[in-house]
Amino acid sequence: MKTQRRSVDFSRGRRGAVLPAAAGKTRITIRIDTDVLDWFRDEVHRAGGGNYQTLMNDALRQYVEAREDNLEDTLRRVLREELSRRRGPRG
């Protein structure tokens, strides 16, 4: 068994990330299905490099934005229908 060298002084060491997270980013722990993670990694590899986490973030953002757009369209349709019912039929 290897022993620790006495010359290493951790008395002023600090816990946590060595580099702070970028503004607007949050560090989390998440479990992703292996096949999904492999797909994103393969896509980055096929593209010639990059970061699979950025690709995953972009995919999630597109999904959220699409959901928001659909919600807006649905709200507009419902409001139009409800307003036309209150006003009554127009000829």
N, C-alpha and C. Protein backbone atom coordinates (compact mmCIF):
# COMPACT_ATOMS: atom_id res chain seq x y z
N MET A 1 0.84 -1.18 0.00
CA MET A 1 0.00 0.00 0.00
C MET A 1 0.88 1.24 0.00
N LYS A 2 0.51 2.20 -0.84
CA LYS A 2 1.31 3.41 -0.98
C LYS A 2 0.89 4.43 0.08
N THR A 3 1.84 5.09 0.68
CA THR A 3 1.53 6.09 1.70
C THR A 3 1.59 7.49 1.09
N GLN A 4 0.85 8.40 1.71
CA GLN A 4 0.80 9.77 1.21
C GLN A 4 2.10 10.48 1.56
N ARG A 5 2.58 11.27 0.63
CA ARG A 5 3.79 12.04 0.88
C ARG A 5 3.50 13.14 1.89
N ARG A 6 4.41 13.37 2.77
CA ARG A 6 4.24 14.39 3.81
C ARG A 6 4.37 15.81 3.23
N SER A 7 4.94 15.95 2.05
CA SER A 7 5.16 17.28 1.50
C SER A 7 3.88 17.90 0.92
N VAL A 8 2.82 17.12 0.81
CA VAL A 8 1.56 17.64 0.26
C VAL A 8 0.76 18.28 1.39
N ASP A 9 0.46 19.56 1.25
CA ASP A 9 -0.26 20.30 2.29
C ASP A 9 -1.64 20.70 1.78
N PHE A 10 -2.68 20.10 2.33
CA PHE A 10 -4.05 20.39 1.93
C PHE A 10 -4.75 21.35 2.90
N SER A 11 -4.00 21.96 3.80
CA SER A 11 -4.62 22.80 4.83
C SER A 11 -5.34 24.01 4.24
N ARG A 12 -4.90 24.50 3.09
CA ARG A 12 -5.56 25.64 2.47
C ARG A 12 -6.41 25.24 1.27
N GLY A 13 -6.63 23.95 1.12
CA GLY A 13 -7.44 23.45 0.02
C GLY A 13 -8.91 23.81 0.22
N ARG A 14 -9.63 23.92 -0.87
CA ARG A 14 -11.06 24.22 -0.81
C ARG A 14 -11.85 23.15 -1.53
N ARG A 15 -13.04 22.89 -1.06
CA ARG A 15 -13.92 21.93 -1.70
C ARG A 15 -14.66 22.59 -2.85
N GLY A 16 -15.12 21.76 -3.77
CA GLY A 16 -15.95 22.27 -4.85
C GLY A 16 -15.24 22.24 -6.19
N ALA A 17 -15.93 22.77 -7.17
CA ALA A 17 -15.40 22.78 -8.53
C ALA A 17 -14.16 23.65 -8.62
N VAL A 18 -13.23 23.22 -9.43
CA VAL A 18 -12.00 23.99 -9.64
C VAL A 18 -12.33 25.25 -10.42
N LEU A 19 -13.17 25.10 -11.44
CA LEU A 19 -13.60 26.24 -12.24
C LEU A 19 -15.08 26.51 -11.96
N PRO A 20 -15.45 27.76 -11.76
CA PRO A 20 -16.86 28.06 -11.52
C PRO A 20 -17.68 27.81 -12.78
N ALA A 21 -18.95 27.46 -12.58
CA ALA A 21 -19.85 27.23 -13.71
C ALA A 21 -20.10 28.54 -14.44
N ALA A 22 -20.30 28.45 -15.73
CA ALA A 22 -20.60 29.63 -16.53
C ALA A 22 -21.94 30.22 -16.09
N ALA A 23 -22.09 31.51 -16.26
CA ALA A 23 -23.34 32.18 -15.90
C ALA A 23 -24.49 31.57 -16.69
N GLY A 24 -25.59 31.33 -16.01
CA GLY A 24 -26.76 30.74 -16.66
C GLY A 24 -26.71 29.23 -16.74
N LYS A 25 -25.71 28.62 -16.18
CA LYS A 25 -25.57 27.16 -16.19
C LYS A 25 -25.71 26.63 -14.77
N THR A 26 -26.33 25.47 -14.63
CA THR A 26 -26.49 24.82 -13.33
C THR A 26 -25.94 23.42 -13.43
N ARG A 27 -25.12 23.05 -12.47
CA ARG A 27 -24.55 21.71 -12.44
C ARG A 27 -25.54 20.79 -11.75
N ILE A 28 -25.90 19.68 -12.41
CA ILE A 28 -26.81 18.70 -11.84
C ILE A 28 -26.28 17.30 -12.07
N THR A 29 -26.84 16.35 -11.37
CA THR A 29 -26.57 14.94 -11.63
C THR A 29 -27.85 14.36 -12.19
N ILE A 30 -27.77 13.70 -13.32
CA ILE A 30 -28.95 13.16 -13.99
C ILE A 30 -28.60 11.79 -14.57
N ARG A 31 -29.56 10.92 -14.59
CA ARG A 31 -29.37 9.60 -15.19
C ARG A 31 -30.04 9.59 -16.57
N ILE A 32 -29.25 9.28 -17.58
CA ILE A 32 -29.71 9.23 -18.96
C ILE A 32 -29.58 7.79 -19.44
N ASP A 33 -30.57 7.29 -20.16
CA ASP A 33 -30.46 5.95 -20.72
C ASP A 33 -29.22 5.86 -21.60
N THR A 34 -28.53 4.76 -21.50
CA THR A 34 -27.26 4.58 -22.21
C THR A 34 -27.43 4.75 -23.71
N ASP A 35 -28.50 4.20 -24.27
CA ASP A 35 -28.68 4.30 -25.71
C ASP A 35 -28.90 5.75 -26.16
N VAL A 36 -29.57 6.54 -25.33
CA VAL A 36 -29.80 7.95 -25.66
C VAL A 36 -28.49 8.72 -25.59
N LEU A 37 -27.74 8.50 -24.54
CA LEU A 37 -26.45 9.16 -24.38
C LEU A 37 -25.50 8.79 -25.51
N ASP A 38 -25.47 7.50 -25.86
CA ASP A 38 -24.63 7.05 -26.98
C ASP A 38 -25.01 7.75 -28.28
N TRP A 39 -26.31 7.93 -28.50
CA TRP A 39 -26.76 8.59 -29.73
C TRP A 39 -26.21 10.01 -29.80
N PHE A 40 -26.33 10.77 -28.70
CA PHE A 40 -25.83 12.14 -28.70
C PHE A 40 -24.31 12.18 -28.89
N ARG A 41 -23.61 11.28 -28.23
CA ARG A 41 -22.15 11.23 -28.39
C ARG A 41 -21.78 10.88 -29.83
N ASP A 42 -22.50 9.93 -30.43
CA ASP A 42 -22.23 9.56 -31.83
C ASP A 42 -22.50 10.72 -32.77
N GLU A 43 -23.57 11.47 -32.51
CA GLU A 43 -23.89 12.63 -33.36
C GLU A 43 -22.76 13.66 -33.31
N VAL A 44 -22.24 13.93 -32.14
CA VAL A 44 -21.13 14.88 -32.01
C VAL A 44 -19.91 14.34 -32.73
N HIS A 45 -19.64 13.05 -32.59
CA HIS A 45 -18.50 12.44 -33.27
C HIS A 45 -18.66 12.55 -34.79
N ARG A 46 -19.86 12.25 -35.31
CA ARG A 46 -20.11 12.34 -36.76
C ARG A 46 -19.97 13.77 -37.27
N ALA A 47 -20.29 14.74 -36.41
CA ALA A 47 -20.19 16.14 -36.82
C ALA A 47 -18.75 16.64 -36.80
N GLY A 48 -17.85 15.81 -36.30
CA GLY A 48 -16.44 16.19 -36.31
C GLY A 48 -15.97 16.81 -35.01
N GLY A 49 -16.77 16.69 -33.97
CA GLY A 49 -16.37 17.20 -32.67
C GLY A 49 -17.41 18.10 -32.08
N GLY A 50 -17.17 18.48 -30.87
CA GLY A 50 -18.10 19.33 -30.14
C GLY A 50 -18.38 18.73 -28.78
N ASN A 51 -19.50 19.10 -28.22
CA ASN A 51 -19.83 18.69 -26.87
C ASN A 51 -21.22 18.07 -26.88
N TYR A 52 -21.33 16.83 -26.46
CA TYR A 52 -22.63 16.17 -26.48
C TYR A 52 -23.60 16.83 -25.50
N GLN A 53 -23.08 17.43 -24.43
CA GLN A 53 -23.95 18.10 -23.47
C GLN A 53 -24.60 19.33 -24.10
N THR A 54 -23.86 20.05 -24.91
CA THR A 54 -24.41 21.19 -25.61
C THR A 54 -25.49 20.73 -26.59
N LEU A 55 -25.24 19.63 -27.28
CA LEU A 55 -26.22 19.09 -28.21
C LEU A 55 -27.50 18.68 -27.48
N MET A 56 -27.35 18.04 -26.32
CA MET A 56 -28.51 17.66 -25.52
C MET A 56 -29.27 18.90 -25.05
N ASN A 57 -28.55 19.91 -24.63
CA ASN A 57 -29.18 21.15 -24.18
C ASN A 57 -29.95 21.81 -25.32
N ASP A 58 -29.38 21.82 -26.51
CA ASP A 58 -30.06 22.39 -27.68
C ASP A 58 -31.33 21.62 -28.00
N ALA A 59 -31.28 20.29 -27.93
CA ALA A 59 -32.45 19.46 -28.21
C ALA A 59 -33.55 19.74 -27.18
N LEU A 60 -33.18 19.84 -25.92
CA LEU A 60 -34.17 20.14 -24.88
C LEU A 60 -34.77 21.53 -25.07
N ARG A 61 -33.94 22.49 -25.44
CA ARG A 61 -34.43 23.85 -25.67
C ARG A 61 -35.44 23.88 -26.82
N GLN A 62 -35.13 23.16 -27.91
CA GLN A 62 -36.06 23.10 -29.05
C GLN A 62 -37.39 22.48 -28.63
N TYR A 63 -37.33 21.46 -27.80
CA TYR A 63 -38.55 20.81 -27.33
C TYR A 63 -39.38 21.79 -26.50
N VAL A 64 -38.73 22.49 -25.57
CA VAL A 64 -39.44 23.44 -24.71
C VAL A 64 -40.06 24.55 -25.54
N GLU A 65 -39.31 25.10 -26.49
CA GLU A 65 -39.83 26.18 -27.32
C GLU A 65 -41.00 25.71 -28.17
N ALA A 66 -40.93 24.49 -28.68
CA ALA A 66 -42.04 23.95 -29.48
C ALA A 66 -43.28 23.80 -28.61
N ARG A 67 -43.10 23.36 -27.38
CA ARG A 67 -44.24 23.22 -26.46
C ARG A 67 -44.85 24.58 -26.16
N GLU A 68 -44.00 25.59 -25.96
CA GLU A 68 -44.50 26.94 -25.67
C GLU A 68 -45.26 27.48 -26.86
N ASP A 69 -44.76 27.25 -28.08
CA ASP A 69 -45.45 27.71 -29.28
C ASP A 69 -46.81 27.04 -29.39
N ASN A 70 -46.86 25.74 -29.15
CA ASN A 70 -48.12 25.02 -29.22
C ASN A 70 -49.09 25.53 -28.18
N LEU A 71 -48.62 25.86 -27.00
CA LEU A 71 -49.47 26.38 -25.94
C LEU A 71 -50.06 27.72 -26.36
N GLU A 72 -49.23 28.57 -26.95
CA GLU A 72 -49.71 29.87 -27.40
C GLU A 72 -50.78 29.71 -28.47
N ASP A 73 -50.55 28.83 -29.43
CA ASP A 73 -51.55 28.59 -30.47
C ASP A 73 -52.85 28.06 -29.88
N THR A 74 -52.74 27.15 -28.93
CA THR A 74 -53.93 26.58 -28.30
C THR A 74 -54.69 27.65 -27.54
N LEU A 75 -54.00 28.49 -26.78
CA LEU A 75 -54.66 29.55 -26.04
C LEU A 75 -55.37 30.53 -26.98
N ARG A 76 -54.72 30.88 -28.06
CA ARG A 76 -55.35 31.79 -29.03
C ARG A 76 -56.63 31.17 -29.60
N ARG A 77 -56.57 29.89 -29.95
CA ARG A 77 -57.75 29.21 -30.51
C ARG A 77 -58.89 29.17 -29.50
N VAL A 78 -58.57 28.81 -28.26
CA VAL A 78 -59.60 28.73 -27.22
C VAL A 78 -60.21 30.09 -26.96
N LEU A 79 -59.37 31.11 -26.88
CA LEU A 79 -59.90 32.46 -26.66
C LEU A 79 -60.81 32.90 -27.80
N ARG A 80 -60.41 32.63 -29.04
CA ARG A 80 -61.26 32.99 -30.18
C ARG A 80 -62.61 32.29 -30.09
N GLU A 81 -62.57 31.00 -29.77
CA GLU A 81 -63.82 30.23 -29.67
C GLU A 81 -64.71 30.76 -28.56
N GLU A 82 -64.12 31.03 -27.41
CA GLU A 82 -64.91 31.51 -26.28
C GLU A 82 -65.47 32.90 -26.55
N LEU A 83 -64.68 33.77 -27.15
CA LEU A 83 -65.16 35.11 -27.46
C LEU A 83 -66.30 35.06 -28.48
N SER A 84 -66.20 34.18 -29.47
CA SER A 84 -67.27 34.08 -30.47
C SER A 84 -68.55 33.54 -29.84
N ARG A 85 -68.47 32.68 -28.87
CA ARG A 85 -69.65 32.16 -28.19
C ARG A 85 -70.33 33.26 -27.38
N ARG A 86 -69.56 34.10 -26.73
CA ARG A 86 -70.13 35.19 -25.92
C ARG A 86 -70.79 36.25 -26.79
N ARG A 87 -70.21 36.52 -27.92
CA ARG A 87 -70.77 37.55 -28.82
C ARG A 87 -71.98 37.03 -29.57
N GLY A 88 -72.07 35.73 -29.73
CA GLY A 88 -73.17 35.14 -30.48
C GLY A 88 -72.83 35.08 -31.95
N PRO A 89 -73.69 34.40 -32.70
CA PRO A 89 -73.43 34.27 -34.16
C PRO A 89 -73.57 35.60 -34.87
N ARG A 90 -72.66 35.83 -35.78
CA ARG A 90 -72.72 37.05 -36.60
C ARG A 90 -72.97 36.65 -38.04
N GLY A 91 -73.78 37.37 -38.68
CA GLY A 91 -74.12 37.02 -40.03
C GLY A 91 -73.56 37.87 -41.02
